Structure formats: structure tokens, C-alpha cells
């Protein structure tokens, strides 16, 4: 479930994201995984703009590092096939806590007419997470760009996000 705190309506559920896949350990500290994900969200600031897309993914992880590659044939419903590569580094400053840094690169591989995804984009972020049993609470700051403004000029955007994950 994905929710957002809207300016005028308060917290509002806006969609969901689900994953199905297969993971296997190389050894006690590292693993690999492959799978598929589905994201279906209505953006809270433009409620008539639904975002629905599928992705295939593969990745490797260790206790402190992960790297994944995602392929979407119709990213964000924008009629553009994309590849997205991301890496995350994690440290554990205290039991139950983790701090992390992340960097990603989105590359359009098939731009169809009408798509707003026209250039390679990047994102970077850092955050802190705390685990309570099978629930993890997370906060992070993210910056991404370049994106086009209404006049076509490149610009970046920042965001702060909070998340809760249930492990089962």
C-alpha cells in the first residue's frame, strides 16, 4: 500500500506495489534474486493521472551492499521502455537500526511518441531505518533529476519520504 500526506486532504492511500520473485543464497552473507513487480498509483496531486506499470528485475545483495537492474516495457504508463540500475550501501550503527545511501540511473531504451521520458535521469538518497520485529519504519531524503519544467529546461527535485514495511 502506498500513501501520501496531501496538503488539503491529509493522509490518503494512493495505490499499491507488489513483488513476486525467487531468491537464492550464494553463502551466508550474499544472495541473488529475480522477479516481477507491479505498481499501481494515482498521484495525489493529479488524481486523474494513474501510474500503472510492470517491471522485471534482477539483483545481488550482501549484508552491506546491493545492486539491482529493472526493466519496464511501459514505465509510468508513459509509453517508454526503460532500464533502471540502482545500488544501495548500508551500515548498522546500533542494533535494530540501519543507515543507507542509494544511487540510481534511469535510461530510456525505447521512446515512443508522446512519452515524457526523454532523457537519462538519476536519483540519490540517504536515510535511516528502525526495525521492530517484522515491521521496519524508514525515513529518507531523495533528490532526482534532470526533469523538464514547463518550458523544457532541465531541473531537479527533492523529496522526503517515510515508509513502513511488513516482512512475512
N, C-alpha and C. Protein backbone atom coordinates (compact mmCIF):
# COMPACT_ATOMS: atom_id res chain seq x y z
N UNK A 1 0.84 -1.16 0.00
CA UNK A 1 0.00 0.00 0.00
C UNK A 1 0.90 1.24 0.00
N UNK A 2 0.53 2.22 -0.77
CA UNK A 2 1.27 3.47 -0.84
C UNK A 2 0.33 4.58 -0.39
N UNK A 3 0.82 5.44 0.50
CA UNK A 3 0.01 6.55 0.99
C UNK A 3 0.83 7.82 0.94
N UNK A 4 0.15 8.96 0.89
CA UNK A 4 0.81 10.26 0.87
C UNK A 4 0.06 11.21 1.77
N UNK A 5 0.80 12.12 2.38
CA UNK A 5 0.18 13.18 3.18
C UNK A 5 -0.10 14.34 2.23
N UNK A 6 -1.37 14.56 1.91
CA UNK A 6 -1.72 15.61 0.97
C UNK A 6 -1.88 16.94 1.69
N UNK A 7 -1.67 18.01 0.97
CA UNK A 7 -1.71 19.35 1.55
C UNK A 7 -3.11 19.69 2.10
N UNK A 8 -4.16 19.32 1.37
CA UNK A 8 -5.50 19.73 1.77
C UNK A 8 -6.34 18.61 2.38
N UNK A 9 -6.04 17.35 2.04
CA UNK A 9 -6.88 16.24 2.48
C UNK A 9 -6.25 15.37 3.55
N UNK A 10 -5.03 15.66 4.00
CA UNK A 10 -4.36 14.83 4.99
C UNK A 10 -3.87 13.53 4.37
N UNK A 11 -3.54 12.51 5.20
CA UNK A 11 -3.04 11.24 4.66
C UNK A 11 -4.09 10.57 3.75
N UNK A 12 -3.60 10.02 2.64
CA UNK A 12 -4.51 9.42 1.67
C UNK A 12 -3.82 8.22 1.01
N UNK A 13 -4.50 7.07 0.98
CA UNK A 13 -3.98 5.90 0.28
C UNK A 13 -4.06 6.19 -1.21
N UNK A 14 -2.96 5.95 -1.91
CA UNK A 14 -2.94 6.28 -3.33
C UNK A 14 -2.64 5.09 -4.24
N UNK A 15 -2.36 3.91 -3.68
CA UNK A 15 -2.12 2.77 -4.55
C UNK A 15 -1.39 1.65 -3.85
N UNK A 16 -0.78 0.79 -4.66
CA UNK A 16 -0.07 -0.36 -4.11
C UNK A 16 1.13 -0.71 -4.98
N UNK A 17 2.02 -1.51 -4.39
CA UNK A 17 3.17 -2.05 -5.10
C UNK A 17 3.38 -3.47 -4.60
N UNK A 18 3.44 -4.43 -5.50
CA UNK A 18 3.62 -5.83 -5.12
C UNK A 18 4.80 -6.42 -5.90
N UNK A 19 5.45 -7.38 -5.28
CA UNK A 19 6.59 -8.07 -5.87
C UNK A 19 6.36 -9.57 -5.80
N UNK A 20 6.80 -10.29 -6.81
CA UNK A 20 6.84 -11.76 -6.79
C UNK A 20 8.18 -12.15 -7.41
N UNK A 21 8.88 -13.05 -6.77
CA UNK A 21 10.18 -13.42 -7.32
C UNK A 21 10.77 -14.63 -6.65
N UNK A 22 12.01 -14.87 -6.98
CA UNK A 22 12.75 -16.01 -6.47
C UNK A 22 14.12 -15.52 -6.02
N UNK A 23 14.53 -15.93 -4.84
CA UNK A 23 15.85 -15.54 -4.32
C UNK A 23 16.59 -16.79 -3.87
N UNK A 24 17.90 -16.72 -3.95
CA UNK A 24 18.75 -17.85 -3.57
C UNK A 24 20.02 -17.32 -2.95
N UNK A 25 20.53 -17.98 -1.95
CA UNK A 25 21.78 -17.57 -1.30
C UNK A 25 22.99 -18.14 -2.04
N UNK A 26 24.02 -17.28 -2.18
CA UNK A 26 25.33 -17.75 -2.60
C UNK A 26 26.02 -18.39 -1.41
N UNK A 27 25.94 -17.70 -0.26
CA UNK A 27 26.51 -18.14 1.01
C UNK A 27 25.74 -17.44 2.12
N UNK A 28 26.25 -17.48 3.35
CA UNK A 28 25.52 -16.90 4.49
C UNK A 28 25.36 -15.38 4.39
N UNK A 29 26.22 -14.70 3.62
CA UNK A 29 26.20 -13.23 3.57
C UNK A 29 25.77 -12.64 2.24
N UNK A 30 25.48 -13.44 1.22
CA UNK A 30 25.14 -12.87 -0.08
C UNK A 30 24.09 -13.72 -0.79
N UNK A 31 23.32 -13.05 -1.66
CA UNK A 31 22.25 -13.74 -2.38
C UNK A 31 22.00 -13.07 -3.73
N UNK A 32 21.21 -13.72 -4.55
CA UNK A 32 20.74 -13.14 -5.81
C UNK A 32 19.23 -13.31 -5.86
N UNK A 33 18.57 -12.51 -6.70
CA UNK A 33 17.13 -12.61 -6.85
C UNK A 33 16.70 -12.17 -8.24
N UNK A 34 15.56 -12.69 -8.68
CA UNK A 34 14.91 -12.27 -9.92
C UNK A 34 13.42 -12.20 -9.64
N UNK A 35 12.71 -11.38 -10.39
CA UNK A 35 11.27 -11.32 -10.17
C UNK A 35 10.58 -10.31 -11.04
N UNK A 36 9.34 -10.05 -10.67
CA UNK A 36 8.48 -9.10 -11.36
C UNK A 36 7.77 -8.25 -10.31
N UNK A 37 7.52 -7.00 -10.65
CA UNK A 37 6.77 -6.13 -9.73
C UNK A 37 5.67 -5.42 -10.49
N UNK A 38 4.66 -5.01 -9.74
CA UNK A 38 3.55 -4.24 -10.30
C UNK A 38 3.32 -3.03 -9.40
N UNK A 39 3.28 -1.86 -10.00
CA UNK A 39 2.99 -0.62 -9.27
C UNK A 39 1.73 -0.02 -9.88
N UNK A 40 0.80 0.37 -9.02
CA UNK A 40 -0.45 0.98 -9.47
C UNK A 40 -0.80 2.10 -8.49
N UNK A 41 -0.61 3.35 -8.92
CA UNK A 41 -0.75 4.50 -8.04
C UNK A 41 -1.51 5.61 -8.77
N UNK A 42 -2.34 6.32 -8.05
CA UNK A 42 -2.91 7.57 -8.55
C UNK A 42 -2.18 8.68 -7.83
N UNK A 43 -1.50 9.54 -8.57
CA UNK A 43 -0.73 10.61 -7.95
C UNK A 43 -1.67 11.53 -7.19
N UNK A 44 -1.33 11.84 -5.94
CA UNK A 44 -2.23 12.62 -5.09
C UNK A 44 -2.39 14.05 -5.57
N UNK A 45 -1.40 14.61 -6.28
CA UNK A 45 -1.54 15.99 -6.71
C UNK A 45 -2.19 16.10 -8.07
N UNK A 46 -2.33 15.00 -8.78
CA UNK A 46 -3.07 14.97 -10.04
C UNK A 46 -3.93 13.70 -10.02
N UNK A 47 -5.05 13.70 -9.32
CA UNK A 47 -5.79 12.46 -9.10
C UNK A 47 -6.30 11.77 -10.36
N UNK A 48 -6.33 12.45 -11.46
CA UNK A 48 -6.79 11.80 -12.69
C UNK A 48 -5.62 11.25 -13.50
N UNK A 49 -4.47 11.18 -12.91
CA UNK A 49 -3.27 10.70 -13.59
C UNK A 49 -2.80 9.39 -12.96
N UNK A 50 -3.37 8.26 -13.36
CA UNK A 50 -2.95 6.99 -12.77
C UNK A 50 -1.59 6.56 -13.33
N UNK A 51 -0.80 5.95 -12.47
CA UNK A 51 0.50 5.42 -12.86
C UNK A 51 0.44 3.91 -12.62
N UNK A 52 0.48 3.14 -13.69
CA UNK A 52 0.42 1.69 -13.57
C UNK A 52 1.45 1.09 -14.52
N UNK A 53 2.34 0.26 -13.97
CA UNK A 53 3.36 -0.35 -14.81
C UNK A 53 3.92 -1.60 -14.16
N UNK A 54 4.54 -2.43 -14.98
CA UNK A 54 5.19 -3.67 -14.53
C UNK A 54 6.69 -3.54 -14.74
N UNK A 55 7.45 -4.26 -13.94
CA UNK A 55 8.90 -4.30 -14.10
C UNK A 55 9.40 -5.73 -13.88
N UNK A 56 10.42 -6.10 -14.64
CA UNK A 56 11.19 -7.31 -14.38
C UNK A 56 12.46 -6.85 -13.68
N UNK A 57 12.96 -7.63 -12.71
CA UNK A 57 14.17 -7.20 -12.02
C UNK A 57 15.08 -8.37 -11.69
N UNK A 58 16.35 -8.03 -11.50
CA UNK A 58 17.37 -8.99 -11.07
C UNK A 58 18.37 -8.23 -10.21
N UNK A 59 18.92 -8.92 -9.22
CA UNK A 59 19.86 -8.22 -8.36
C UNK A 59 20.69 -9.16 -7.51
N UNK A 60 21.70 -8.56 -6.89
CA UNK A 60 22.56 -9.27 -5.93
C UNK A 60 22.64 -8.42 -4.67
N UNK A 61 22.78 -9.10 -3.53
CA UNK A 61 22.84 -8.39 -2.25
C UNK A 61 23.83 -9.06 -1.32
N UNK A 62 24.49 -8.23 -0.52
CA UNK A 62 25.31 -8.70 0.59
C UNK A 62 24.78 -7.99 1.84
N UNK A 63 25.41 -8.21 2.96
CA UNK A 63 24.95 -7.56 4.20
C UNK A 63 25.01 -6.03 4.11
N UNK A 64 25.95 -5.48 3.35
CA UNK A 64 26.14 -4.03 3.32
C UNK A 64 25.93 -3.39 1.95
N UNK A 65 25.69 -4.18 0.91
CA UNK A 65 25.63 -3.62 -0.44
C UNK A 65 24.61 -4.40 -1.27
N UNK A 66 23.88 -3.68 -2.14
CA UNK A 66 23.00 -4.35 -3.10
C UNK A 66 23.05 -3.60 -4.42
N UNK A 67 22.80 -4.33 -5.49
CA UNK A 67 22.73 -3.76 -6.84
C UNK A 67 21.61 -4.47 -7.58
N UNK A 68 20.73 -3.70 -8.21
CA UNK A 68 19.61 -4.27 -8.94
C UNK A 68 19.44 -3.56 -10.28
N UNK A 69 18.89 -4.29 -11.25
CA UNK A 69 18.54 -3.74 -12.55
C UNK A 69 17.08 -4.07 -12.80
N UNK A 70 16.31 -3.07 -13.25
CA UNK A 70 14.88 -3.23 -13.53
C UNK A 70 14.62 -2.88 -14.99
N UNK A 71 13.74 -3.63 -15.62
CA UNK A 71 13.31 -3.32 -16.98
C UNK A 71 11.80 -3.16 -16.98
N UNK A 72 11.31 -2.06 -17.55
CA UNK A 72 9.87 -1.84 -17.69
C UNK A 72 9.56 -1.56 -19.16
N UNK A 73 8.64 -2.30 -19.75
CA UNK A 73 8.28 -2.03 -21.15
C UNK A 73 7.40 -0.79 -21.31
N UNK A 74 6.82 -0.29 -20.20
CA UNK A 74 5.92 0.86 -20.27
C UNK A 74 6.02 1.64 -18.95
N UNK A 75 7.19 2.17 -18.66
CA UNK A 75 7.45 2.81 -17.38
C UNK A 75 6.51 3.98 -17.12
N UNK A 76 5.91 3.99 -15.96
CA UNK A 76 4.96 5.01 -15.52
C UNK A 76 3.76 5.16 -16.44
N UNK A 77 3.54 4.18 -17.32
CA UNK A 77 2.45 4.31 -18.28
C UNK A 77 2.71 5.37 -19.32
N UNK A 78 3.99 5.74 -19.50
CA UNK A 78 4.39 6.84 -20.39
C UNK A 78 4.80 6.37 -21.79
N UNK A 79 4.51 5.13 -22.14
CA UNK A 79 4.86 4.59 -23.45
C UNK A 79 6.37 4.66 -23.72
N UNK A 80 7.16 4.37 -22.70
CA UNK A 80 8.61 4.34 -22.86
C UNK A 80 9.17 3.13 -22.13
N UNK A 81 9.94 2.31 -22.83
CA UNK A 81 10.64 1.20 -22.18
C UNK A 81 11.88 1.78 -21.50
N UNK A 82 12.19 1.32 -20.29
CA UNK A 82 13.32 1.85 -19.54
C UNK A 82 14.12 0.76 -18.86
N UNK A 83 15.37 1.07 -18.60
CA UNK A 83 16.22 0.28 -17.71
C UNK A 83 16.56 1.18 -16.53
N UNK A 84 16.49 0.62 -15.33
CA UNK A 84 16.84 1.37 -14.13
C UNK A 84 17.82 0.53 -13.33
N UNK A 85 18.99 1.10 -13.03
CA UNK A 85 20.01 0.42 -12.22
C UNK A 85 20.16 1.18 -10.92
N UNK A 86 20.23 0.46 -9.81
CA UNK A 86 20.34 1.11 -8.51
C UNK A 86 21.31 0.34 -7.61
N UNK A 87 22.03 1.07 -6.80
CA UNK A 87 22.92 0.47 -5.80
C UNK A 87 22.60 1.11 -4.45
N UNK A 88 22.74 0.30 -3.41
CA UNK A 88 22.50 0.78 -2.05
C UNK A 88 23.61 0.25 -1.15
N UNK A 89 24.15 1.13 -0.31
CA UNK A 89 25.14 0.75 0.70
C UNK A 89 24.51 0.99 2.06
N UNK A 90 24.72 0.06 3.00
CA UNK A 90 24.07 0.12 4.31
C UNK A 90 25.10 -0.08 5.42
N UNK A 91 24.94 0.66 6.51
CA UNK A 91 25.72 0.45 7.73
C UNK A 91 24.74 0.28 8.88
N UNK A 92 25.18 -0.43 9.92
CA UNK A 92 24.35 -0.69 11.09
C UNK A 92 24.99 0.01 12.29
N UNK A 93 24.55 1.24 12.62
CA UNK A 93 25.20 1.97 13.71
C UNK A 93 24.84 1.45 15.11
N UNK A 94 23.70 0.74 15.22
CA UNK A 94 23.27 0.18 16.51
C UNK A 94 22.29 -0.96 16.21
N UNK A 95 22.11 -1.88 17.14
CA UNK A 95 21.17 -2.99 16.91
C UNK A 95 19.77 -2.48 16.56
N UNK A 96 19.18 -3.04 15.49
CA UNK A 96 17.85 -2.65 15.05
C UNK A 96 17.81 -1.42 14.16
N UNK A 97 18.92 -0.72 14.02
CA UNK A 97 19.00 0.48 13.20
C UNK A 97 19.86 0.23 11.96
N UNK A 98 19.55 0.93 10.87
CA UNK A 98 20.45 0.95 9.72
C UNK A 98 20.38 2.31 9.05
N UNK A 99 21.53 2.73 8.56
CA UNK A 99 21.64 3.95 7.77
C UNK A 99 22.03 3.52 6.36
N UNK A 100 21.52 4.22 5.36
CA UNK A 100 21.80 3.78 4.00
C UNK A 100 21.93 4.97 3.05
N UNK A 101 22.65 4.72 1.97
CA UNK A 101 22.77 5.66 0.87
C UNK A 101 22.45 4.92 -0.41
N UNK A 102 21.84 5.60 -1.35
CA UNK A 102 21.39 4.96 -2.57
C UNK A 102 21.65 5.86 -3.76
N UNK A 103 21.93 5.24 -4.91
CA UNK A 103 22.09 5.98 -6.16
C UNK A 103 21.48 5.14 -7.28
N UNK A 104 20.78 5.81 -8.20
CA UNK A 104 20.15 5.10 -9.31
C UNK A 104 20.24 5.89 -10.61
N UNK A 105 20.09 5.17 -11.71
CA UNK A 105 20.15 5.76 -13.04
C UNK A 105 19.05 5.14 -13.89
N UNK A 106 18.17 5.98 -14.45
CA UNK A 106 17.07 5.55 -15.32
C UNK A 106 17.42 5.92 -16.75
N UNK A 107 17.40 4.93 -17.64
CA UNK A 107 17.77 5.15 -19.03
C UNK A 107 16.60 4.74 -19.93
N UNK A 108 16.04 5.66 -20.72
CA UNK A 108 15.01 5.25 -21.68
C UNK A 108 15.65 4.46 -22.81
N UNK A 109 15.09 3.28 -23.14
CA UNK A 109 15.66 2.47 -24.22
C UNK A 109 14.75 2.43 -25.44
N UNK A 110 13.52 2.88 -25.28
CA UNK A 110 12.59 2.92 -26.40
C UNK A 110 11.60 4.05 -26.13
N UNK A 111 11.83 5.20 -26.73
CA UNK A 111 10.96 6.36 -26.53
C UNK A 111 9.91 6.42 -27.62
N UNK A 112 8.69 6.25 -27.23
CA UNK A 112 7.61 6.32 -28.21
C UNK A 112 6.99 7.71 -28.25
N UNK A 113 6.34 8.02 -29.32
CA UNK A 113 5.70 9.33 -29.49
C UNK A 113 4.77 9.62 -28.31
N UNK A 114 4.90 10.82 -27.77
CA UNK A 114 4.05 11.24 -26.67
C UNK A 114 4.63 10.97 -25.29
N UNK A 115 5.73 10.25 -25.21
CA UNK A 115 6.32 9.94 -23.91
C UNK A 115 7.01 11.16 -23.32
N UNK A 116 6.84 11.36 -22.01
CA UNK A 116 7.53 12.45 -21.33
C UNK A 116 8.92 12.05 -20.86
N UNK A 117 9.25 10.78 -20.97
CA UNK A 117 10.56 10.30 -20.53
C UNK A 117 11.50 10.38 -21.74
N UNK A 118 12.29 11.46 -21.78
CA UNK A 118 13.11 11.73 -22.96
C UNK A 118 14.61 11.68 -22.71
N UNK A 119 15.02 11.64 -21.46
CA UNK A 119 16.46 11.68 -21.20
C UNK A 119 16.80 10.78 -20.02
N UNK A 120 18.09 10.48 -19.91
CA UNK A 120 18.60 9.73 -18.77
C UNK A 120 18.41 10.57 -17.51
N UNK A 121 17.95 9.93 -16.44
CA UNK A 121 17.72 10.63 -15.17
C UNK A 121 18.45 9.89 -14.05
N UNK A 122 18.75 10.59 -12.98
CA UNK A 122 19.44 9.99 -11.84
C UNK A 122 18.66 10.28 -10.57
N UNK A 123 18.95 9.51 -9.54
CA UNK A 123 18.42 9.81 -8.22
C UNK A 123 19.46 9.40 -7.18
N UNK A 124 19.51 10.14 -6.10
CA UNK A 124 20.39 9.83 -4.97
C UNK A 124 19.57 10.02 -3.70
N UNK A 125 19.90 9.26 -2.69
CA UNK A 125 19.15 9.39 -1.45
C UNK A 125 19.92 8.85 -0.27
N UNK A 126 19.49 9.24 0.92
CA UNK A 126 20.08 8.74 2.16
C UNK A 126 18.96 8.65 3.18
N UNK A 127 19.08 7.68 4.08
CA UNK A 127 18.02 7.53 5.06
C UNK A 127 18.42 6.72 6.26
N UNK A 128 17.45 6.55 7.13
CA UNK A 128 17.62 5.83 8.38
C UNK A 128 16.40 4.93 8.57
N UNK A 129 16.63 3.69 9.04
CA UNK A 129 15.54 2.75 9.26
C UNK A 129 15.67 2.11 10.63
N UNK A 130 14.53 1.74 11.20
CA UNK A 130 14.48 1.07 12.50
C UNK A 130 13.53 -0.11 12.40
N UNK A 131 14.01 -1.27 12.83
CA UNK A 131 13.20 -2.49 12.76
C UNK A 131 12.60 -2.80 14.12
N UNK A 132 11.31 -3.15 14.12
CA UNK A 132 10.57 -3.57 15.31
C UNK A 132 9.92 -4.90 14.97
N UNK A 133 10.56 -6.00 15.33
CA UNK A 133 10.02 -7.32 14.97
C UNK A 133 9.99 -7.50 13.47
N UNK A 134 8.78 -7.75 12.92
CA UNK A 134 8.67 -7.93 11.47
C UNK A 134 8.20 -6.66 10.74
N UNK A 135 8.31 -5.52 11.41
CA UNK A 135 7.96 -4.22 10.79
C UNK A 135 9.20 -3.33 10.78
N UNK A 136 9.46 -2.68 9.65
CA UNK A 136 10.55 -1.72 9.56
C UNK A 136 9.97 -0.36 9.20
N UNK A 137 10.35 0.67 9.96
CA UNK A 137 9.98 2.05 9.66
C UNK A 137 11.20 2.74 9.06
N UNK A 138 10.98 3.54 8.03
CA UNK A 138 12.10 4.12 7.29
C UNK A 138 11.78 5.56 6.92
N UNK A 139 12.79 6.41 6.99
CA UNK A 139 12.69 7.78 6.51
C UNK A 139 13.88 8.06 5.62
N UNK A 140 13.65 8.82 4.55
CA UNK A 140 14.76 9.13 3.65
C UNK A 140 14.54 10.43 2.92
N UNK A 141 15.64 11.04 2.53
CA UNK A 141 15.63 12.23 1.69
C UNK A 141 16.17 11.81 0.32
N UNK A 142 15.53 12.28 -0.73
CA UNK A 142 15.89 11.89 -2.09
C UNK A 142 15.98 13.13 -2.97
N UNK A 143 16.89 13.09 -3.92
CA UNK A 143 17.00 14.14 -4.93
C UNK A 143 17.07 13.45 -6.28
N UNK A 144 16.32 13.95 -7.28
CA UNK A 144 16.36 13.34 -8.60
C UNK A 144 16.27 14.41 -9.68
N UNK A 145 16.75 14.04 -10.85
CA UNK A 145 16.71 14.96 -11.99
C UNK A 145 17.54 14.40 -13.14
N UNK A 146 17.82 15.05 -14.20
CA UNK A 146 17.09 16.27 -14.54
C UNK A 146 15.71 15.92 -15.07
N UNK A 147 14.79 16.80 -14.85
CA UNK A 147 13.44 16.67 -15.35
C UNK A 147 13.14 17.98 -16.07
N UNK A 148 12.20 17.98 -16.99
CA UNK A 148 11.89 19.19 -17.73
C UNK A 148 10.80 19.99 -17.02
N UNK A 149 11.00 21.29 -16.93
CA UNK A 149 9.91 22.15 -16.44
C UNK A 149 8.98 22.46 -17.62
N UNK A 150 8.02 23.32 -17.42
CA UNK A 150 7.04 23.60 -18.46
C UNK A 150 7.65 24.23 -19.71
N UNK A 151 8.81 24.84 -19.59
CA UNK A 151 9.47 25.45 -20.74
C UNK A 151 10.53 24.55 -21.36
N UNK A 152 10.69 23.32 -20.82
CA UNK A 152 11.65 22.38 -21.38
C UNK A 152 13.04 22.49 -20.78
N UNK A 153 13.23 23.33 -19.75
CA UNK A 153 14.54 23.46 -19.11
C UNK A 153 14.73 22.37 -18.07
N UNK A 154 15.96 21.87 -17.96
CA UNK A 154 16.27 20.80 -17.00
C UNK A 154 16.25 21.36 -15.58
N UNK A 155 15.70 20.57 -14.68
CA UNK A 155 15.68 20.93 -13.26
C UNK A 155 15.66 19.66 -12.44
N UNK A 156 15.94 19.76 -11.15
CA UNK A 156 15.89 18.62 -10.24
C UNK A 156 14.84 18.83 -9.17
N UNK A 157 14.53 17.77 -8.45
CA UNK A 157 13.52 17.83 -7.41
C UNK A 157 14.00 17.04 -6.20
N UNK A 158 13.63 17.49 -5.04
CA UNK A 158 13.93 16.77 -3.82
C UNK A 158 12.65 16.34 -3.14
N UNK A 159 12.76 15.32 -2.29
CA UNK A 159 11.59 14.83 -1.56
C UNK A 159 12.05 14.17 -0.27
N UNK A 160 11.16 14.16 0.69
CA UNK A 160 11.35 13.42 1.93
C UNK A 160 10.24 12.39 1.99
N UNK A 161 10.59 11.14 2.29
CA UNK A 161 9.59 10.08 2.31
C UNK A 161 9.73 9.26 3.58
N UNK A 162 8.61 8.74 4.04
CA UNK A 162 8.58 7.79 5.14
C UNK A 162 7.87 6.54 4.63
N UNK A 163 8.30 5.38 5.14
CA UNK A 163 7.72 4.12 4.69
C UNK A 163 7.67 3.13 5.85
N UNK A 164 6.73 2.22 5.77
CA UNK A 164 6.64 1.09 6.69
C UNK A 164 6.60 -0.17 5.87
N UNK A 165 7.41 -1.17 6.24
CA UNK A 165 7.46 -2.43 5.52
C UNK A 165 7.13 -3.56 6.49
N UNK A 166 6.25 -4.46 6.06
CA UNK A 166 5.91 -5.64 6.85
C UNK A 166 6.58 -6.84 6.21
N UNK A 167 7.41 -7.53 6.99
CA UNK A 167 8.10 -8.74 6.50
C UNK A 167 7.32 -9.97 6.96
N UNK A 168 7.11 -10.89 6.04
CA UNK A 168 6.44 -12.14 6.43
C UNK A 168 7.01 -13.30 5.65
